[in-house]
Protein backbone atom coordinates (compact mmCIF):
# COMPACT_ATOMS: atom_id res chain seq x y z
CA MET A 1 0.00 0.00 0.00
CA LYS A 2 1.32 3.42 -0.94
CA ASP A 3 2.05 5.69 2.01
CA HIS A 4 0.18 8.99 2.17
CA ASP A 5 2.47 11.99 2.05
CA TYR A 6 0.64 14.15 4.60
CA ASP A 7 3.49 16.65 4.85
CA ARG A 8 3.35 17.65 1.19
CA PRO A 9 1.14 20.69 0.64
CA ARG A 10 -1.73 19.90 -1.66
CA SER A 11 -2.26 22.04 -4.72
CA ARG A 12 -5.62 23.74 -4.61
CA LYS A 13 -7.24 25.54 -7.49
CA ALA A 14 -8.35 28.98 -6.43
CA ARG A 15 -12.07 29.52 -6.67
CA ARG A 16 -13.88 32.80 -7.05
CA SER A 17 -16.42 33.38 -4.32
CA THR A 18 -19.97 32.96 -5.59
CA ARG A 19 -21.28 35.42 -3.01
CA LYS A 20 -22.65 38.52 -4.74
CA ARG A 21 -21.96 42.05 -3.54
CA LEU A 22 -24.51 44.86 -3.39
CA LEU A 23 -23.68 48.49 -2.60
CA ILE A 24 -26.20 50.97 -1.15
CA VAL A 25 -25.24 54.66 -1.19
CA THR A 26 -27.58 56.90 0.81
CA GLU A 27 -28.20 60.62 0.90
CA GLY A 28 -28.59 60.70 4.67
CA GLU A 29 -25.86 59.80 7.12
CA VAL A 30 -28.03 58.48 9.93
CA THR A 31 -31.61 57.34 9.28
CA GLU A 32 -31.02 55.31 6.12
CA VAL A 33 -27.68 53.90 7.26
CA GLU A 34 -29.04 52.84 10.66
CA TYR A 35 -32.06 51.23 8.99
CA PHE A 36 -30.18 49.22 6.38
CA GLU A 37 -27.58 48.02 8.87
CA ALA A 38 -30.38 46.84 11.18
CA LEU A 39 -32.19 45.25 8.23
CA LYS A 40 -29.06 43.31 7.26
CA GLU A 41 -28.93 41.83 10.74
CA HIS A 42 -32.67 41.18 10.87
CA LEU A 43 -32.59 39.32 7.55
CA GLU A 44 -29.47 37.37 8.60
CA LEU A 45 -27.72 38.40 5.40
CA GLN A 46 -24.34 37.56 6.91
CA SER A 47 -25.40 33.93 6.39
CA SER A 48 -26.65 34.49 2.85
CA GLN A 49 -25.10 34.59 -0.61
CA LEU A 50 -25.37 38.40 -0.66
CA ASP A 51 -22.79 40.74 0.83
CA VAL A 52 -24.39 44.16 1.41
CA VAL A 53 -22.30 47.30 1.91
CA VAL A 54 -23.95 50.54 3.07
CA GLU A 55 -22.24 53.90 2.50
CA ALA A 56 -23.47 57.40 3.33
CA GLY A 57 -23.19 60.14 0.75
CA PRO A 58 -19.98 62.20 0.63
CA ASP A 59 -21.21 65.37 2.34
CA HIS A 60 -24.50 65.37 4.25
CA GLU A 61 -24.65 69.13 4.83
CA GLY A 62 -24.25 69.94 1.16
CA ASN A 63 -25.51 66.70 -0.28
CA THR A 64 -27.59 66.59 -3.44
CA PRO A 65 -28.93 63.62 -5.42
CA SER A 66 -26.28 64.24 -8.08
CA ARG A 67 -23.50 64.02 -5.51
CA VAL A 68 -24.93 60.77 -4.20
CA VAL A 69 -24.97 59.33 -7.72
CA ARG A 70 -21.43 60.49 -8.47
CA SER A 71 -20.24 58.96 -5.21
CA ALA A 72 -21.91 55.64 -6.05
CA VAL A 73 -20.35 55.55 -9.53
CA LYS A 74 -16.93 56.37 -8.07
CA LEU A 75 -17.19 53.61 -5.44
CA ARG A 76 -18.38 51.07 -8.02
CA ASP A 77 -15.65 51.91 -10.52
CA ALA A 78 -12.92 51.86 -7.84
CA ALA A 79 -14.06 48.43 -6.65
CA LYS A 80 -14.07 47.14 -10.24
CA LYS A 81 -10.55 48.45 -10.82
CA ASN A 82 -9.34 46.91 -7.57
CA GLN A 83 -10.92 43.60 -8.57
CA LYS A 84 -9.00 43.58 -11.85
CA SER A 85 -5.75 44.27 -10.00
CA ARG A 86 -6.33 41.36 -7.66
CA ASP A 87 -7.27 39.11 -10.55
CA ARG A 88 -3.96 39.88 -12.26
CA LEU A 89 -2.16 38.88 -9.07
CA GLY A 90 -4.02 35.58 -9.06
CA ASP A 91 -6.12 36.41 -6.01
CA LEU A 92 -9.25 34.76 -7.33
CA GLU A 93 -10.87 34.16 -3.97
CA ALA A 94 -11.40 37.81 -3.12
CA ARG A 95 -14.68 39.31 -4.30
CA ILE A 96 -14.52 43.10 -4.31
CA ALA A 97 -16.46 44.32 -7.33
CA TYR A 98 -20.16 45.09 -6.87
CA ASP A 99 -22.79 43.17 -8.80
CA GLU A 100 -25.49 45.73 -8.04
CA VAL A 101 -25.40 49.36 -6.89
CA TRP A 102 -28.33 51.31 -5.45
CA VAL A 103 -28.67 55.02 -4.68
CA VAL A 104 -31.18 56.13 -2.05
CA PHE A 105 -32.40 59.72 -1.72
CA ASP A 106 -35.60 61.72 -1.40
CA THR A 107 -37.45 64.63 -2.95
CA GLU A 108 -37.90 66.93 0.04
CA ARG A 109 -34.79 69.00 -0.55
CA ASP A 110 -34.75 68.81 -4.33
CA GLY A 111 -38.34 68.05 -5.28
CA LYS A 112 -38.66 71.21 -7.38
CA ASN A 113 -35.06 71.17 -8.56
CA ALA A 114 -33.97 69.83 -11.93
CA ASP A 115 -31.06 68.16 -10.10
CA LEU A 116 -33.43 65.47 -8.84
CA PHE A 117 -34.45 64.34 -12.32
CA SER A 118 -30.98 64.75 -13.84
CA ALA A 119 -29.54 62.69 -10.98
CA ALA A 120 -32.10 59.94 -11.54
CA GLU A 121 -31.42 59.88 -15.28
CA HIS A 122 -27.66 59.89 -14.71
CA ALA A 123 -27.96 56.97 -12.30
CA LEU A 124 -30.06 54.94 -14.71
CA ASP A 125 -27.68 55.71 -17.59
CA LYS A 126 -24.77 54.47 -15.45
CA GLY A 127 -26.54 51.22 -14.69
CA LEU A 128 -27.42 52.05 -11.10
CA TYR A 129 -30.68 51.20 -9.36
CA VAL A 130 -32.63 54.13 -7.92
CA ALA A 131 -34.78 54.21 -4.77
CA ILE A 132 -36.32 57.67 -4.36
CA SER A 133 -38.88 58.56 -1.70
CA ARG A 134 -41.38 61.43 -1.63
CA PRO A 135 -41.17 63.37 0.53
CA SER A 136 -38.57 61.48 2.61
CA PHE A 137 -37.25 58.09 3.62
CA GLU A 138 -39.84 58.07 6.41
CA SER A 139 -42.45 57.30 3.74
CA TRP A 140 -40.94 53.82 3.67
CA PHE A 141 -41.21 53.57 7.46
CA LEU A 142 -44.89 54.52 7.27
CA LEU A 143 -45.65 51.63 4.91
CA HIS A 144 -44.74 49.24 7.72
CA LEU A 145 -47.44 50.82 9.88
CA ARG A 146 -50.39 51.47 7.58
CA ASP A 147 -51.93 50.84 4.16
CA GLY A 148 -51.25 53.58 1.64
CA LEU A 149 -49.64 56.96 2.13
CA PRO A 150 -51.34 60.30 2.82
CA ALA A 151 -50.38 63.47 0.99
CA MET A 152 -47.17 64.74 2.60
CA ALA A 153 -44.97 67.68 1.64
CA THR A 154 -42.10 67.34 4.12
CA CYS A 155 -40.26 64.89 6.31
CA ASP A 156 -41.94 66.54 9.31
CA ASP A 157 -45.33 65.57 7.88
CA ALA A 158 -44.25 61.94 7.69
CA CYS A 159 -42.75 62.02 11.18
CA LYS A 160 -45.93 63.46 12.65
CA LYS A 161 -47.91 60.63 11.08
CA ILE A 162 -45.50 58.08 12.53
CA SER A 163 -45.91 59.70 15.94
CA GLN A 164 -49.70 59.52 15.67
CA ILE A 165 -49.65 55.83 14.80
CA THR A 166 -47.03 54.71 17.30
CA ARG A 167 -48.14 57.15 20.03
CA ARG A 168 -44.49 58.00 20.55
CA LYS A 169 -42.80 61.26 19.60
CA TYR A 170 -40.63 60.81 16.54
CA ALA A 171 -38.39 63.51 15.02
CA CYS A 172 -36.74 63.58 11.61
CA GLU A 173 -33.36 64.88 12.71
CA TYR A 174 -30.80 62.72 14.51
CA GLN A 175 -27.31 63.15 15.84
CA LYS A 176 -24.48 61.26 14.16
CA ASP A 177 -23.71 59.61 17.50
CA SER A 178 -25.92 56.52 17.51
CA LYS A 179 -26.22 56.68 21.33
CA ASP A 180 -28.46 59.72 20.89
CA ASN A 181 -30.84 57.92 18.51
CA ALA A 182 -32.97 55.89 20.91
CA ASP A 183 -36.23 56.88 19.20
CA LEU A 184 -34.89 55.93 15.77
CA HIS A 185 -33.60 52.58 17.04
CA TRP A 186 -36.94 51.91 18.72
CA LEU A 187 -38.86 52.65 15.53
CA ILE A 188 -36.60 50.48 13.38
CA ASP A 189 -36.95 47.58 15.82
CA THR A 190 -40.73 48.09 15.78
CA ILE A 191 -41.15 48.05 12.01
CA LEU A 192 -38.70 45.34 10.95
CA PRO A 193 -41.15 42.45 11.61
CA PHE A 194 -43.52 44.08 9.08
CA THR A 195 -40.98 44.12 6.24
CA THR A 196 -42.87 41.88 3.83
CA GLU A 197 -46.12 43.75 4.42
CA ALA A 198 -44.34 47.03 3.66
CA ILE A 199 -43.01 45.56 0.40
CA ASP A 200 -46.53 44.59 -0.68
CA ARG A 201 -47.91 48.00 0.29
CA GLY A 202 -45.07 49.74 -1.54
CA LYS A 203 -45.97 47.94 -4.76
CA ILE A 204 -49.57 49.12 -4.49
CA VAL A 205 -48.63 52.74 -3.75
CA ALA A 206 -46.13 52.79 -6.63
CA LYS A 207 -48.88 52.15 -9.16
CA THR A 208 -50.21 55.67 -8.63
CA ALA A 209 -47.12 57.49 -7.31
CA PHE A 210 -44.85 56.79 -10.28
CA THR A 211 -46.94 57.93 -13.22
CA THR A 212 -44.71 60.37 -15.10
CA HIS A 213 -41.22 59.06 -14.34
CA GLU A 214 -40.05 55.54 -13.62
CA ALA A 215 -37.80 56.60 -10.73
CA VAL A 216 -39.20 59.88 -9.36
CA PRO A 217 -42.55 59.71 -7.53
CA GLU A 218 -45.12 62.37 -8.38
CA THR A 219 -47.03 61.89 -5.11
CA SER A 220 -46.20 60.35 -1.74
CA GLY A 221 -44.40 57.12 -2.52
CA THR A 222 -41.10 55.28 -2.55
CA LYS A 223 -39.13 52.72 -4.55
CA VAL A 224 -37.25 51.55 -1.45
CA TYR A 225 -39.51 48.50 -1.48
CA GLU A 226 -37.72 47.28 -4.62
CA LEU A 227 -34.34 47.39 -2.88
CA VAL A 228 -35.65 45.77 0.28
CA GLU A 229 -37.30 43.02 -1.76
CA VAL A 230 -33.92 42.18 -3.30
CA LEU A 231 -32.46 41.87 0.21
CA TRP A 232 -35.45 39.88 1.45
CA LYS A 233 -35.21 37.34 -1.37
CA SER A 234 -31.56 36.72 -0.45
CA SER A 235 -32.39 36.20 3.21
CA PRO A 236 -32.57 32.75 4.85
CA ARG A 237 -35.84 34.02 6.35
CA ALA A 238 -37.43 34.10 2.90
CA LEU A 239 -37.47 30.30 2.89
CA PHE A 240 -40.24 30.44 5.50
CA GLY A 241 -42.45 32.89 3.61
CA PRO A 242 -43.83 36.27 4.75
CA GLU A 243 -42.88 37.27 8.26
CA THR A 244 -46.30 38.29 9.51
CA ASN A 245 -49.94 38.36 8.51
CA SER A 246 -50.95 40.69 11.30
CA SER A 247 -53.45 43.46 10.71
CA GLU A 248 -52.66 47.09 10.02
CA ALA A 249 -50.62 48.64 12.83
CA GLU A 250 -52.48 51.92 12.77
CA ALA A 251 -55.02 52.28 15.55
């Protein structure tokens, strides 16, 4: 019988990771980032075949949709270039390039500004996915709590509606220090179990909100449901079907 040579290192063909990478670039530094990071944990995406990276826009104080889009394109292209460099070095196991890139912003600041539409068109032309909310990201939060969306002009309008439903004061502005965001963390923890219901409600609202432009809502609405549905379908939780069939949360 031939002896096994256990001391000789075995040659192993490098394999490229099959795990896909998805990048989310947000306009806000706090609300959206905190939500998506919590959603990743809730959906157990660390155990999935999807690696999700969340990045805030380059400059919150002077941020515009166009800057968010430019930042997303820059991050995507840099990752692609880095991937090629690693490939040339034979590092086939590392997966750096992004398979899908999303930009997330709202209409409140730029709803009457041509920058909003030019940013959306630029993103689509560059192959990015766009999730715009009118008037703010809180529209997406509301869809976890009620059917449909009322007419809202500002983020404050959405926050007041959230406060009415939850019977807990909720403000739209947060400090960068997450320790000061107890109300935001409480709300996110409250709505996460209603994720699949919010997706279904978002689809219904989109039928009337997105009538003149595929990415920019004309009335209260959001395309965040499309992004969240991508994450949900990659989650181990999706194997067990919708999370809840409970009734509308609004009293």
